[in-house]
Every structure is written in C-alpha cells, then in structure tokens.
Amino acid sequence: MVPGRYHHVMAMNLRLNEAEADALRARAEQEGRSMQEVARTAIAQYVSERPQRLRAAIERVRDEDRELLQRLSR
C-alpha cells in the first residue's frame, strides 16, 4: 500500500547541466525564492501556455506553406 503523502505530491530528480543550474540558482537568488519554487513556476507557465504555442505553430505553418497546402488540397 502506498502511503497517503505520495498521492498529492510527486517527487522527481531534475538533472541540469552546469549552465542551467547556475541560471536557475541566479534567478532564485534574484527573486528571493528557492530553486524548486522557480522551477515549478516555470513548468506551470510552460504547460499552461501550450495551447497558445500550438496555435501559433499551426498558424505559422499555414502561412509559410500556404501555396503548398493549396496545391495539395486540389
């Protein structure tokens, strides 16, 4: 049986290269927050913006390949 404390929080290891760790550490120090808080905020922002990024990518392909898409649709 899994203890209840594991049902609401998932622990994970995040492997960063030296430059990524330095940047995360600097941002955390700059904001007066922990590295974990900064990373979790970045992840939340990334996943919440996915629909907009996807829509923008679709529009970009549609615009850049308009002629090809028109030819393929005939």
PDB file of N, CA and C in Angstrom:
ATOM      1  N   MET A   1       0.843  -1.177   0.000  1.00  0.00           N
ATOM      2  CA  MET A   1       0.000   0.000   0.000  1.00  0.00           C
ATOM      3  C   MET A   1       0.890   1.242   0.000  1.00  0.00           C
ATOM      4  N   VAL A   2       0.500   2.254  -0.785  1.00  0.00           N
ATOM      5  CA  VAL A   2       1.271   3.496  -0.899  1.00  0.00           C
ATOM      6  C   VAL A   2       0.818   4.465   0.182  1.00  0.00           C
ATOM      7  N   PRO A   3       1.770   5.021   0.944  1.00  0.00           N
ATOM      8  CA  PRO A   3       1.384   5.990   1.983  1.00  0.00           C
ATOM      9  C   PRO A   3       0.647   7.188   1.379  1.00  0.00           C
ATOM     10  N   GLY A   4      -0.296   7.752   2.117  1.00  0.00           N
ATOM     11  CA  GLY A   4      -1.109   8.869   1.657  1.00  0.00           C
ATOM     12  C   GLY A   4      -0.327  10.084   1.224  1.00  0.00           C
ATOM     13  N   ARG A   5       0.836  10.299   1.812  1.00  0.00           N
ATOM     14  CA  ARG A   5       1.605  11.503   1.475  1.00  0.00           C
ATOM     15  C   ARG A   5       2.088  11.508   0.025  1.00  0.00           C
ATOM     16  N   TYR A   6       2.072  10.356  -0.625  1.00  0.00           N
ATOM     17  CA  TYR A   6       2.536  10.280  -2.008  1.00  0.00           C
ATOM     18  C   TYR A   6       1.414  10.490  -3.027  1.00  0.00           C
ATOM     19  N   HIS A   7       0.198  10.639  -2.574  1.00  0.00           N
ATOM     20  CA  HIS A   7      -0.911  10.775  -3.507  1.00  0.00           C
ATOM     21  C   HIS A   7      -1.087  12.198  -4.026  1.00  0.00           C
ATOM     22  N   HIS A   8      -0.547  13.186  -3.369  1.00  0.00           N
ATOM     23  CA  HIS A   8      -0.770  14.568  -3.762  1.00  0.00           C
ATOM     24  C   HIS A   8       0.479  15.269  -4.282  1.00  0.00           C
ATOM     25  N   VAL A   9       1.629  14.710  -4.056  1.00  0.00           N
ATOM     26  CA  VAL A   9       2.885  15.327  -4.463  1.00  0.00           C
ATOM     27  C   VAL A   9       3.750  14.275  -5.132  1.00  0.00           C
ATOM     28  N   MET A  10       4.368  14.655  -6.240  1.00  0.00           N
ATOM     29  CA  MET A  10       5.281  13.734  -6.903  1.00  0.00           C
ATOM     30  C   MET A  10       6.693  14.273  -6.757  1.00  0.00           C
ATOM     31  N   ALA A  11       7.567  13.468  -6.253  1.00  0.00           N
ATOM     32  CA  ALA A  11       8.967  13.853  -6.147  1.00  0.00           C
ATOM     33  C   ALA A  11       9.680  13.415  -7.419  1.00  0.00           C
ATOM     34  N   MET A  12      10.645  14.223  -7.843  1.00  0.00           N
ATOM     35  CA  MET A  12      11.419  13.856  -9.020  1.00  0.00           C
ATOM     36  C   MET A  12      12.807  14.468  -8.932  1.00  0.00           C
ATOM     37  N   ASN A  13      13.719  13.899  -9.667  1.00  0.00           N
ATOM     38  CA  ASN A  13      15.058  14.465  -9.798  1.00  0.00           C
ATOM     39  C   ASN A  13      15.130  15.187 -11.126  1.00  0.00           C
ATOM     40  N   LEU A  14      15.699  16.357 -11.116  1.00  0.00           N
ATOM     41  CA  LEU A  14      15.855  17.134 -12.334  1.00  0.00           C
ATOM     42  C   LEU A  14      17.344  17.314 -12.560  1.00  0.00           C
ATOM     43  N   ARG A  15      17.841  16.762 -13.637  1.00  0.00           N
ATOM     44  CA  ARG A  15      19.271  16.850 -13.926  1.00  0.00           C
ATOM     45  C   ARG A  15      19.521  18.043 -14.835  1.00  0.00           C
ATOM     46  N   LEU A  16      20.297  18.982 -14.353  1.00  0.00           N
ATOM     47  CA  LEU A  16      20.629  20.189 -15.103  1.00  0.00           C
ATOM     48  C   LEU A  16      22.116  20.212 -15.389  1.00  0.00           C
ATOM     49  N   ASN A  17      22.481  20.781 -16.534  1.00  0.00           N
ATOM     50  CA  ASN A  17      23.907  20.972 -16.755  1.00  0.00           C
ATOM     51  C   ASN A  17      24.352  22.181 -15.923  1.00  0.00           C
ATOM     52  N   GLU A  18      25.618  22.443 -15.917  1.00  0.00           N
ATOM     53  CA  GLU A  18      26.152  23.497 -15.047  1.00  0.00           C
ATOM     54  C   GLU A  18      25.564  24.868 -15.377  1.00  0.00           C
ATOM     55  N   ALA A  19      25.428  25.181 -16.652  1.00  0.00           N
ATOM     56  CA  ALA A  19      24.889  26.484 -17.053  1.00  0.00           C
ATOM     57  C   ALA A  19      23.427  26.622 -16.625  1.00  0.00           C
ATOM     58  N   GLU A  20      22.654  25.553 -16.796  1.00  0.00           N
ATOM     59  CA  GLU A  20      21.248  25.598 -16.387  1.00  0.00           C
ATOM     60  C   GLU A  20      21.120  25.759 -14.874  1.00  0.00           C
ATOM     61  N   ALA A  21      21.932  25.019 -14.135  1.00  0.00           N
ATOM     62  CA  ALA A  21      21.894  25.119 -12.675  1.00  0.00           C
ATOM     63  C   ALA A  21      22.307  26.509 -12.215  1.00  0.00           C
ATOM     64  N   ASP A  22      23.332  27.071 -12.843  1.00  0.00           N
ATOM     65  CA  ASP A  22      23.776  28.423 -12.491  1.00  0.00           C
ATOM     66  C   ASP A  22      22.681  29.445 -12.770  1.00  0.00           C
ATOM     67  N   ALA A  23      22.015  29.314 -13.924  1.00  0.00           N
ATOM     68  CA  ALA A  23      20.944  30.251 -14.278  1.00  0.00           C
ATOM     69  C   ALA A  23      19.769  30.120 -13.315  1.00  0.00           C
ATOM     70  N   LEU A  24      19.408  28.892 -12.963  1.00  0.00           N
ATOM     71  CA  LEU A  24      18.316  28.671 -12.022  1.00  0.00           C
ATOM     72  C   LEU A  24      18.658  29.229 -10.653  1.00  0.00           C
ATOM     73  N   ARG A  25      19.873  28.975 -10.204  1.00  0.00           N
ATOM     74  CA  ARG A  25      20.333  29.483  -8.904  1.00  0.00           C
ATOM     75  C   ARG A  25      20.316  31.014  -8.875  1.00  0.00           C
ATOM     76  N   ALA A  26      20.803  31.616  -9.949  1.00  0.00           N
ATOM     77  CA  ALA A  26      20.841  33.087 -10.017  1.00  0.00           C
ATOM     78  C   ALA A  26      19.432  33.666  -9.992  1.00  0.00           C
ATOM     79  N   ARG A  27      18.515  33.058 -10.744  1.00  0.00           N
ATOM     80  CA  ARG A  27      17.140  33.557 -10.769  1.00  0.00           C
ATOM     81  C   ARG A  27      16.488  33.407  -9.400  1.00  0.00           C
ATOM     82  N   ALA A  28      16.713  32.276  -8.761  1.00  0.00           N
ATOM     83  CA  ALA A  28      16.142  32.045  -7.437  1.00  0.00           C
ATOM     84  C   ALA A  28      16.671  33.067  -6.430  1.00  0.00           C
ATOM     85  N   GLU A  29      17.957  33.321  -6.468  1.00  0.00           N
ATOM     86  CA  GLU A  29      18.548  34.314  -5.567  1.00  0.00           C
ATOM     87  C   GLU A  29      18.003  35.705  -5.863  1.00  0.00           C
ATOM     88  N   GLN A  30      17.887  36.033  -7.139  1.00  0.00           N
ATOM     89  CA  GLN A  30      17.375  37.338  -7.556  1.00  0.00           C
ATOM     90  C   GLN A  30      15.944  37.556  -7.059  1.00  0.00           C
ATOM     91  N   GLU A  31      15.132  36.509  -7.096  1.00  0.00           N
ATOM     92  CA  GLU A  31      13.734  36.615  -6.699  1.00  0.00           C
ATOM     93  C   GLU A  31      13.496  36.304  -5.236  1.00  0.00           C
ATOM     94  N   GLY A  32      14.538  35.878  -4.525  1.00  0.00           N
ATOM     95  CA  GLY A  32      14.384  35.537  -3.112  1.00  0.00           C
ATOM     96  C   GLY A  32      13.516  34.300  -2.905  1.00  0.00           C
ATOM     97  N   ARG A  33      13.608  33.370  -3.850  1.00  0.00           N
ATOM     98  CA  ARG A  33      12.835  32.136  -3.756  1.00  0.00           C
ATOM     99  C   ARG A  33      13.773  30.954  -3.890  1.00  0.00           C
ATOM    100  N   SER A  34      13.250  29.773  -3.592  1.00  0.00           N
ATOM    101  CA  SER A  34      14.070  28.571  -3.732  1.00  0.00           C
ATOM    102  C   SER A  34      14.159  28.186  -5.205  1.00  0.00           C
ATOM    103  N   MET A  35      15.180  27.407  -5.518  1.00  0.00           N
ATOM    104  CA  MET A  35      15.330  26.897  -6.884  1.00  0.00           C
ATOM    105  C   MET A  35      14.120  26.057  -7.257  1.00  0.00           C
ATOM    106  N   GLN A  36      13.608  25.278  -6.310  1.00  0.00           N
ATOM    107  CA  GLN A  36      12.439  24.445  -6.562  1.00  0.00           C
ATOM    108  C   GLN A  36      11.227  25.310  -6.914  1.00  0.00           C
ATOM    109  N   GLU A  37      11.011  26.385  -6.180  1.00  0.00           N
ATOM    110  CA  GLU A  37       9.869  27.261  -6.475  1.00  0.00           C
ATOM    111  C   GLU A  37       9.977  27.866  -7.873  1.00  0.00           C
ATOM    112  N   VAL A  38      11.171  28.312  -8.231  1.00  0.00           N
ATOM    113  CA  VAL A  38      11.370  28.913  -9.556  1.00  0.00           C
ATOM    114  C   VAL A  38      11.138  27.873 -10.649  1.00  0.00           C
ATOM    115  N   ALA A  39      11.653  26.672 -10.471  1.00  0.00           N
ATOM    116  CA  ALA A  39      11.473  25.609 -11.460  1.00  0.00           C
ATOM    117  C   ALA A  39      10.002  25.224 -11.588  1.00  0.00           C
ATOM    118  N   ARG A  40       9.303  25.097 -10.469  1.00  0.00           N
ATOM    119  CA  ARG A  40       7.890  24.734 -10.516  1.00  0.00           C
ATOM    120  C   ARG A  40       7.062  25.814 -11.197  1.00  0.00           C
ATOM    121  N   THR A  41       7.388  27.078 -10.956  1.00  0.00           N
ATOM    122  CA  THR A  41       6.684  28.176 -11.619  1.00  0.00           C
ATOM    123  C   THR A  41       6.917  28.128 -13.121  1.00  0.00           C
ATOM    124  N   ALA A  42       8.154  27.865 -13.520  1.00  0.00           N
ATOM    125  CA  ALA A  42       8.479  27.789 -14.949  1.00  0.00           C
ATOM    126  C   ALA A  42       7.730  26.634 -15.620  1.00  0.00           C
ATOM    127  N   ILE A  43       7.644  25.505 -14.951  1.00  0.00           N
ATOM    128  CA  ILE A  43       6.928  24.351 -15.505  1.00  0.00           C
ATOM    129  C   ILE A  43       5.439  24.667 -15.631  1.00  0.00           C
ATOM    130  N   ALA A  44       4.863  25.259 -14.603  1.00  0.00           N
ATOM    131  CA  ALA A  44       3.438  25.610 -14.646  1.00  0.00           C
ATOM    132  C   ALA A  44       3.152  26.583 -15.781  1.00  0.00           C
ATOM    133  N   GLN A  45       4.019  27.555 -15.961  1.00  0.00           N
ATOM    134  CA  GLN A  45       3.836  28.531 -17.037  1.00  0.00           C
ATOM    135  C   GLN A  45       3.958  27.841 -18.398  1.00  0.00           C
ATOM    136  N   TYR A  46       4.922  26.964 -18.540  1.00  0.00           N
ATOM    137  CA  TYR A  46       5.144  26.261 -19.806  1.00  0.00           C
ATOM    138  C   TYR A  46       3.926  25.430 -20.193  1.00  0.00           C
ATOM    139  N   VAL A  47       3.419  24.637 -19.265  1.00  0.00           N
ATOM    140  CA  VAL A  47       2.296  23.771 -19.614  1.00  0.00           C
ATOM    141  C   VAL A  47       1.010  24.553 -19.811  1.00  0.00           C
ATOM    142  N   SER A  48       0.842  25.685 -19.137  1.00  0.00           N
ATOM    143  CA  SER A  48      -0.376  26.470 -19.311  1.00  0.00           C
ATOM    144  C   SER A  48      -0.368  27.224 -20.637  1.00  0.00           C
ATOM    145  N   GLU A  49       0.811  27.481 -21.198  1.00  0.00           N
ATOM    146  CA  GLU A  49       0.915  28.203 -22.453  1.00  0.00           C
ATOM    147  C   GLU A  49       0.948  27.281 -23.671  1.00  0.00           C
ATOM    148  N   ARG A  50       0.878  25.983 -23.471  1.00  0.00           N
ATOM    149  CA  ARG A  50       0.972  25.043 -24.586  1.00  0.00           C
ATOM    150  C   ARG A  50      -0.089  25.289 -25.652  1.00  0.00           C
ATOM    151  N   PRO A  51      -1.356  25.492 -25.292  1.00  0.00           N
ATOM    152  CA  PRO A  51      -2.354  25.722 -26.351  1.00  0.00           C
ATOM    153  C   PRO A  51      -2.025  26.932 -27.230  1.00  0.00           C
ATOM    154  N   GLN A  52      -1.528  28.003 -26.645  1.00  0.00           N
ATOM    155  CA  GLN A  52      -1.177  29.178 -27.447  1.00  0.00           C
ATOM    156  C   GLN A  52       0.026  28.891 -28.339  1.00  0.00           C
ATOM    157  N   ARG A  53       1.021  28.168 -27.822  1.00  0.00           N
ATOM    158  CA  ARG A  53       2.194  27.830 -28.633  1.00  0.00           C
ATOM    159  C   ARG A  53       1.797  26.928 -29.794  1.00  0.00           C
ATOM    160  N   LEU A  54       0.909  25.969 -29.534  1.00  0.00           N
ATOM    161  CA  LEU A  54       0.458  25.064 -30.575  1.00  0.00           C
ATOM    162  C   LEU A  54      -0.301  25.837 -31.656  1.00  0.00           C
ATOM    163  N   ARG A  55      -1.204  26.707 -31.253  1.00  0.00           N
ATOM    164  CA  ARG A  55      -1.969  27.507 -32.203  1.00  0.00           C
ATOM    165  C   ARG A  55      -1.046  28.377 -33.045  1.00  0.00           C
ATOM    166  N   ALA A  56      -0.057  28.994 -32.410  1.00  0.00           N
ATOM    167  CA  ALA A  56       0.897  29.838 -33.133  1.00  0.00           C
ATOM    168  C   ALA A  56       1.702  29.013 -34.137  1.00  0.00           C
ATOM    169  N   ALA A  57       2.098  27.797 -33.756  1.00  0.00           N
ATOM    170  CA  ALA A  57       2.862  26.937 -34.663  1.00  0.00           C
ATOM    171  C   ALA A  57       2.017  26.535 -35.870  1.00  0.00           C
ATOM    172  N   ILE A  58       0.754  26.207 -35.623  1.00  0.00           N
ATOM    173  CA  ILE A  58      -0.137  25.834 -36.727  1.00  0.00           C
ATOM    174  C   ILE A  58      -0.320  27.014 -37.678  1.00  0.00           C
ATOM    175  N   GLU A  59      -0.532  28.195 -37.127  1.00  0.00           N
ATOM    176  CA  GLU A  59      -0.699  29.387 -37.966  1.00  0.00           C
ATOM    177  C   GLU A  59       0.563  29.684 -38.772  1.00  0.00           C
ATOM    178  N   ARG A  60       1.723  29.499 -38.141  1.00  0.00           N
ATOM    179  CA  ARG A  60       2.992  29.748 -38.829  1.00  0.00           C
ATOM    180  C   ARG A  60       3.161  28.793 -40.015  1.00  0.00           C
ATOM    181  N   VAL A  61       2.878  27.513 -39.810  1.00  0.00           N
ATOM    182  CA  VAL A  61       2.987  26.536 -40.899  1.00  0.00           C
ATOM    183  C   VAL A  61       1.972  26.865 -41.985  1.00  0.00           C
ATOM    184  N   ARG A  62       0.753  27.191 -41.581  1.00  0.00           N
ATOM    185  CA  ARG A  62      -0.284  27.532 -42.565  1.00  0.00           C
ATOM    186  C   ARG A  62       0.139  28.729 -43.410  1.00  0.00           C
ATOM    187  N   ASP A  63       0.715  29.750 -42.773  1.00  0.00           N
ATOM    188  CA  ASP A  63       1.133  30.947 -43.506  1.00  0.00           C
ATOM    189  C   ASP A  63       2.355  30.682 -44.385  1.00  0.00           C
ATOM    190  N   GLU A  64       3.338  30.003 -43.830  1.00  0.00           N
ATOM    191  CA  GLU A  64       4.575  29.764 -44.575  1.00  0.00           C
ATOM    192  C   GLU A  64       4.376  28.792 -45.735  1.00  0.00           C
ATOM    193  N   ASP A  65       3.462  27.856 -45.582  1.00  0.00           N
ATOM    194  CA  ASP A  65       3.258  26.815 -46.599  1.00  0.00           C
ATOM    195  C   ASP A  65       1.903  26.937 -47.280  1.00  0.00           C
ATOM    196  N   ARG A  66       1.362  28.139 -47.319  1.00  0.00           N
ATOM    197  CA  ARG A  66       0.029  28.355 -47.884  1.00  0.00           C
ATOM    198  C   ARG A  66      -0.092  27.801 -49.311  1.00  0.00           C
ATOM    199  N   GLU A  67       0.867  28.132 -50.156  1.00  0.00           N
ATOM    200  CA  GLU A  67       0.813  27.698 -51.557  1.00  0.00           C
ATOM    201  C   GLU A  67       0.849  26.178 -51.659  1.00  0.00           C
ATOM    202  N   LEU A  68       1.754  25.558 -50.939  1.00  0.00           N
ATOM    203  CA  LEU A  68       1.857  24.099 -50.976  1.00  0.00           C
ATOM    204  C   LEU A  68       0.569  23.451 -50.465  1.00  0.00           C
ATOM    205  N   LEU A  69       0.015  23.938 -49.394  1.00  0.00           N
ATOM    206  CA  LEU A  69      -1.206  23.390 -48.845  1.00  0.00           C
ATOM    207  C   LEU A  69      -2.372  23.527 -49.825  1.00  0.00           C
ATOM    208  N   GLN A  70      -2.419  24.641 -50.544  1.00  0.00           N
ATOM    209  CA  GLN A  70      -3.475  24.825 -51.537  1.00  0.00           C
ATOM    210  C   GLN A  70      -3.321  23.810 -52.670  1.00  0.00           C
ATOM    211  N   ARG A  71      -2.089  23.600 -53.125  1.00  0.00           N
ATOM    212  CA  ARG A  71      -1.867  22.631 -54.206  1.00  0.00           C
ATOM    213  C   ARG A  71      -2.230  21.221 -53.756  1.00  0.00           C
ATOM    214  N   LEU A  72      -1.896  20.866 -52.510  1.00  0.00           N
ATOM    215  CA  LEU A  72      -2.177  19.525 -52.004  1.00  0.00           C
ATOM    216  C   LEU A  72      -3.677  19.295 -51.801  1.00  0.00           C
ATOM    217  N   SER A  73      -4.418  20.370 -51.589  1.00  0.00           N
ATOM    218  CA  SER A  73      -5.844  20.201 -51.314  1.00  0.00           C
ATOM    219  C   SER A  73      -6.657  20.019 -52.597  1.00  0.00           C
ATOM    220  N   ARG A  74      -6.035  20.167 -53.772  1.00  0.00           N
ATOM    221  CA  ARG A  74      -6.755  20.014 -55.054  1.00  0.00           C
ATOM    222  C   ARG A  74      -6.856  18.579 -55.472  1.00  0.00           C
TER     223      ARG A  74
END
